[in-house]
């Protein structure tokens, strides 16, 4: 069953956060993340500076393997230094997807 992890956060340093995301990809970490299918970053139109990251994985087990990687932990710690307050995390089993 597909699985998504979410990170909801506020930042006034989004350009720096984008540079971190780019560096993560350039260093090949994206290809090393077990079971990662895609990552979507969304900006809240109603609340300035609020963002949501949705990371989709093949399944829960693969997502947990990714979460346990030291590289993932270092990335999350660096990302947290750029947020206003603590990010909020969520774990969801995907129960339905309708494509257009």
N, C-alpha and C. Protein backbone atom coordinates (compact mmCIF):
# COMPACT_ATOMS: atom_id res chain seq x y z
N UNK A 1 0.84 -1.17 0.00
CA UNK A 1 0.00 0.00 0.00
C UNK A 1 0.90 1.25 0.00
N UNK A 2 0.59 2.19 -0.88
CA UNK A 2 1.34 3.44 -0.92
C UNK A 2 1.20 4.17 0.41
N UNK A 3 2.21 5.00 0.70
CA UNK A 3 2.29 5.68 1.98
C UNK A 3 2.85 7.08 1.75
N UNK A 4 2.32 8.08 2.47
CA UNK A 4 2.88 9.42 2.37
C UNK A 4 3.25 9.95 3.75
N UNK A 5 4.35 10.69 3.76
CA UNK A 5 4.75 11.44 4.93
C UNK A 5 4.58 12.92 4.60
N UNK A 6 4.10 13.69 5.56
CA UNK A 6 3.91 15.12 5.34
C UNK A 6 4.72 15.91 6.36
N UNK A 7 5.14 17.08 5.90
CA UNK A 7 5.81 18.04 6.79
C UNK A 7 5.13 19.38 6.54
N UNK A 8 4.51 19.94 7.55
CA UNK A 8 3.82 21.22 7.48
C UNK A 8 4.67 22.20 8.27
N UNK A 9 5.06 23.32 7.66
CA UNK A 9 5.95 24.24 8.34
C UNK A 9 5.76 25.66 7.85
N UNK A 10 6.27 26.59 8.65
CA UNK A 10 6.30 28.00 8.30
C UNK A 10 7.76 28.42 8.18
N UNK A 11 8.05 29.26 7.19
CA UNK A 11 9.41 29.78 7.04
C UNK A 11 9.38 31.11 6.31
N UNK A 12 10.32 31.95 6.66
CA UNK A 12 10.55 33.16 5.89
C UNK A 12 11.89 33.04 5.16
N UNK A 13 12.41 31.81 5.10
CA UNK A 13 13.68 31.50 4.45
C UNK A 13 13.50 30.44 3.37
N UNK A 14 12.41 30.54 2.61
CA UNK A 14 12.11 29.49 1.65
C UNK A 14 13.17 29.37 0.55
N UNK A 15 13.78 30.47 0.15
CA UNK A 15 14.84 30.38 -0.86
C UNK A 15 16.00 29.51 -0.37
N UNK A 16 16.37 29.67 0.90
CA UNK A 16 17.42 28.84 1.48
C UNK A 16 16.97 27.38 1.56
N UNK A 17 15.71 27.18 1.89
CA UNK A 17 15.18 25.83 1.98
C UNK A 17 15.20 25.17 0.59
N UNK A 18 14.84 25.94 -0.45
CA UNK A 18 14.89 25.40 -1.82
C UNK A 18 16.32 25.01 -2.18
N UNK A 19 17.30 25.83 -1.77
CA UNK A 19 18.71 25.51 -2.04
C UNK A 19 19.09 24.21 -1.33
N UNK A 20 18.60 24.00 -0.11
CA UNK A 20 18.84 22.75 0.61
C UNK A 20 18.23 21.58 -0.15
N UNK A 21 17.00 21.74 -0.62
CA UNK A 21 16.33 20.67 -1.39
C UNK A 21 17.12 20.37 -2.67
N UNK A 22 17.59 21.41 -3.34
CA UNK A 22 18.40 21.21 -4.55
C UNK A 22 19.68 20.47 -4.24
N UNK A 23 20.35 20.86 -3.15
CA UNK A 23 21.59 20.19 -2.76
C UNK A 23 21.33 18.71 -2.44
N UNK A 24 20.23 18.43 -1.75
CA UNK A 24 19.84 17.05 -1.42
C UNK A 24 19.75 16.21 -2.69
N UNK A 25 19.09 16.79 -3.71
CA UNK A 25 18.93 16.09 -4.98
C UNK A 25 20.26 15.94 -5.71
N UNK A 26 21.03 17.01 -5.77
CA UNK A 26 22.32 16.99 -6.48
C UNK A 26 23.31 16.01 -5.87
N UNK A 27 23.23 15.82 -4.56
CA UNK A 27 24.14 14.89 -3.89
C UNK A 27 23.70 13.44 -4.05
N UNK A 28 22.62 13.22 -4.78
CA UNK A 28 22.18 11.87 -5.07
C UNK A 28 21.33 11.23 -3.99
N UNK A 29 20.97 11.97 -2.97
CA UNK A 29 20.17 11.41 -1.88
C UNK A 29 18.79 10.98 -2.33
N UNK A 30 18.24 11.70 -3.29
CA UNK A 30 16.91 11.36 -3.78
C UNK A 30 16.90 9.94 -4.34
N UNK A 31 17.94 9.58 -5.07
CA UNK A 31 18.03 8.25 -5.64
C UNK A 31 18.32 7.17 -4.61
N UNK A 32 18.77 7.57 -3.43
CA UNK A 32 19.11 6.62 -2.38
C UNK A 32 17.96 6.40 -1.38
N UNK A 33 16.96 7.22 -1.46
CA UNK A 33 15.84 7.12 -0.51
C UNK A 33 15.00 5.89 -0.86
N UNK A 34 14.97 4.89 0.03
CA UNK A 34 14.24 3.66 -0.26
C UNK A 34 12.77 3.90 -0.57
N UNK A 35 12.33 3.44 -1.72
CA UNK A 35 10.91 3.45 -2.06
C UNK A 35 10.31 4.81 -2.38
N UNK A 36 11.12 5.86 -2.42
CA UNK A 36 10.57 7.19 -2.68
C UNK A 36 10.08 7.28 -4.11
N UNK A 37 8.83 7.69 -4.29
CA UNK A 37 8.23 7.83 -5.60
C UNK A 37 8.31 9.28 -6.06
N UNK A 38 7.86 10.19 -5.21
CA UNK A 38 7.89 11.61 -5.56
C UNK A 38 7.76 12.45 -4.29
N UNK A 39 8.21 13.69 -4.43
CA UNK A 39 8.04 14.67 -3.37
C UNK A 39 7.36 15.89 -3.97
N UNK A 40 6.33 16.37 -3.31
CA UNK A 40 5.61 17.57 -3.74
C UNK A 40 5.74 18.62 -2.64
N UNK A 41 6.05 19.84 -3.04
CA UNK A 41 6.10 20.95 -2.10
C UNK A 41 5.01 21.92 -2.51
N UNK A 42 4.14 22.28 -1.57
CA UNK A 42 3.02 23.18 -1.84
C UNK A 42 3.09 24.38 -0.92
N UNK A 43 2.75 25.56 -1.48
CA UNK A 43 2.70 26.80 -0.71
C UNK A 43 1.25 27.13 -0.42
N UNK A 44 0.95 27.44 0.84
CA UNK A 44 -0.40 27.79 1.25
C UNK A 44 -0.75 29.18 0.74
N UNK A 45 -1.76 29.27 -0.10
CA UNK A 45 -2.17 30.55 -0.68
C UNK A 45 -2.85 31.46 0.35
N UNK A 46 -3.40 30.87 1.40
CA UNK A 46 -4.15 31.65 2.38
C UNK A 46 -3.33 32.08 3.59
N UNK A 47 -2.16 31.47 3.78
CA UNK A 47 -1.32 31.77 4.94
C UNK A 47 0.11 31.96 4.47
N UNK A 48 0.54 33.21 4.41
CA UNK A 48 1.87 33.55 3.92
C UNK A 48 2.96 32.83 4.71
N UNK A 49 3.89 32.24 3.98
CA UNK A 49 5.02 31.57 4.61
C UNK A 49 4.76 30.16 5.07
N UNK A 50 3.57 29.60 4.79
CA UNK A 50 3.24 28.23 5.20
C UNK A 50 3.42 27.30 4.01
N UNK A 51 4.02 26.14 4.27
CA UNK A 51 4.32 25.17 3.22
C UNK A 51 3.98 23.76 3.69
N UNK A 52 3.74 22.90 2.73
CA UNK A 52 3.48 21.49 2.99
C UNK A 52 4.34 20.66 2.05
N UNK A 53 5.11 19.72 2.61
CA UNK A 53 5.87 18.76 1.82
C UNK A 53 5.14 17.43 1.91
N UNK A 54 4.92 16.80 0.75
CA UNK A 54 4.29 15.49 0.69
C UNK A 54 5.28 14.54 0.02
N UNK A 55 5.79 13.58 0.76
CA UNK A 55 6.72 12.59 0.23
C UNK A 55 5.98 11.27 0.08
N UNK A 56 5.88 10.78 -1.15
CA UNK A 56 5.14 9.54 -1.42
C UNK A 56 6.12 8.38 -1.57
N UNK A 57 5.82 7.30 -0.88
CA UNK A 57 6.66 6.10 -0.89
C UNK A 57 5.86 4.89 -1.37
N UNK A 58 6.60 3.87 -1.78
CA UNK A 58 5.95 2.62 -2.22
C UNK A 58 5.13 2.00 -1.10
N UNK A 59 5.64 2.08 0.14
CA UNK A 59 4.92 1.53 1.29
C UNK A 59 5.52 2.08 2.59
N UNK A 60 4.86 1.77 3.67
CA UNK A 60 5.26 2.24 5.00
C UNK A 60 6.67 1.77 5.35
N UNK A 61 6.97 0.52 5.09
CA UNK A 61 8.26 -0.04 5.47
C UNK A 61 9.41 0.70 4.79
N UNK A 62 9.25 1.02 3.50
CA UNK A 62 10.29 1.76 2.78
C UNK A 62 10.45 3.17 3.36
N UNK A 63 9.35 3.80 3.70
CA UNK A 63 9.41 5.14 4.29
C UNK A 63 10.16 5.11 5.62
N UNK A 64 9.92 4.08 6.42
CA UNK A 64 10.61 3.98 7.70
C UNK A 64 12.10 3.74 7.51
N UNK A 65 12.47 2.95 6.50
CA UNK A 65 13.89 2.75 6.18
C UNK A 65 14.53 4.08 5.81
N UNK A 66 13.80 4.88 5.03
CA UNK A 66 14.33 6.18 4.65
C UNK A 66 14.48 7.08 5.87
N UNK A 67 13.50 7.07 6.76
CA UNK A 67 13.55 7.91 7.95
C UNK A 67 14.73 7.55 8.85
N UNK A 68 15.16 6.29 8.81
CA UNK A 68 16.26 5.82 9.65
C UNK A 68 17.64 6.16 9.09
N UNK A 69 17.71 6.60 7.85
CA UNK A 69 19.00 6.92 7.23
C UNK A 69 19.62 8.15 7.90
N UNK A 70 20.93 8.10 8.21
CA UNK A 70 21.58 9.27 8.81
C UNK A 70 21.50 10.50 7.91
N UNK A 71 21.52 10.30 6.60
CA UNK A 71 21.43 11.42 5.66
C UNK A 71 20.07 12.11 5.76
N UNK A 72 19.03 11.31 5.94
CA UNK A 72 17.68 11.87 6.08
C UNK A 72 17.58 12.65 7.37
N UNK A 73 18.14 12.13 8.45
CA UNK A 73 18.12 12.83 9.74
C UNK A 73 18.86 14.16 9.64
N UNK A 74 20.03 14.17 9.01
CA UNK A 74 20.81 15.40 8.86
C UNK A 74 20.04 16.43 8.04
N UNK A 75 19.38 15.98 6.98
CA UNK A 75 18.58 16.86 6.13
C UNK A 75 17.43 17.47 6.93
N UNK A 76 16.74 16.64 7.70
CA UNK A 76 15.60 17.12 8.50
C UNK A 76 16.06 18.12 9.55
N UNK A 77 17.21 17.87 10.16
CA UNK A 77 17.73 18.79 11.17
C UNK A 77 18.09 20.14 10.55
N UNK A 78 18.72 20.11 9.39
CA UNK A 78 19.08 21.36 8.72
C UNK A 78 17.83 22.11 8.28
N UNK A 79 16.86 21.37 7.75
CA UNK A 79 15.60 21.98 7.34
C UNK A 79 14.93 22.66 8.53
N UNK A 80 14.95 22.03 9.69
CA UNK A 80 14.29 22.57 10.88
C UNK A 80 14.92 23.88 11.33
N UNK A 81 16.20 24.11 11.02
CA UNK A 81 16.84 25.37 11.40
C UNK A 81 16.28 26.54 10.59
N UNK A 82 15.60 26.24 9.49
CA UNK A 82 15.07 27.28 8.62
C UNK A 82 13.58 27.53 8.82
N UNK A 83 12.98 26.81 9.74
CA UNK A 83 11.53 26.97 9.96
C UNK A 83 11.28 27.92 11.12
N UNK A 84 10.11 28.52 11.09
CA UNK A 84 9.65 29.35 12.20
C UNK A 84 8.88 28.42 13.13
N UNK A 85 9.50 28.00 14.19
CA UNK A 85 8.86 27.05 15.10
C UNK A 85 9.09 25.62 14.64
N UNK A 86 8.44 24.72 15.31
CA UNK A 86 8.60 23.29 15.03
C UNK A 86 7.74 22.87 13.84
N UNK A 87 8.32 22.11 12.90
CA UNK A 87 7.49 21.54 11.83
C UNK A 87 6.55 20.49 12.40
N UNK A 88 5.46 20.26 11.69
CA UNK A 88 4.48 19.24 12.08
C UNK A 88 4.57 18.10 11.07
N UNK A 89 4.69 16.86 11.55
CA UNK A 89 4.85 15.70 10.70
C UNK A 89 3.60 14.83 10.72
N UNK A 90 3.33 14.16 9.61
CA UNK A 90 2.21 13.24 9.53
C UNK A 90 2.57 12.01 8.73
N UNK A 91 1.94 10.91 9.03
CA UNK A 91 2.15 9.63 8.35
C UNK A 91 0.79 9.09 7.93
N UNK A 92 0.65 8.82 6.62
CA UNK A 92 -0.66 8.44 6.08
C UNK A 92 -0.56 7.27 5.11
N UNK A 93 -1.44 6.29 5.30
CA UNK A 93 -1.62 5.24 4.29
C UNK A 93 -2.49 5.83 3.18
N UNK A 94 -2.11 5.62 1.95
CA UNK A 94 -2.90 6.10 0.82
C UNK A 94 -4.01 5.09 0.57
N UNK A 95 -5.24 5.53 0.69
CA UNK A 95 -6.37 4.63 0.53
C UNK A 95 -7.09 4.83 -0.80
N UNK A 96 -6.82 5.96 -1.45
CA UNK A 96 -7.46 6.19 -2.76
C UNK A 96 -6.72 7.30 -3.49
N UNK A 97 -6.53 7.09 -4.78
CA UNK A 97 -5.97 8.11 -5.67
C UNK A 97 -6.81 8.11 -6.95
N UNK A 98 -7.30 9.27 -7.34
CA UNK A 98 -8.05 9.41 -8.59
C UNK A 98 -7.24 10.33 -9.48
N UNK A 99 -6.82 9.84 -10.63
CA UNK A 99 -6.08 10.65 -11.60
C UNK A 99 -7.06 11.30 -12.56
N UNK A 100 -6.74 12.50 -13.00
CA UNK A 100 -7.61 13.21 -13.95
C UNK A 100 -7.54 12.57 -15.32
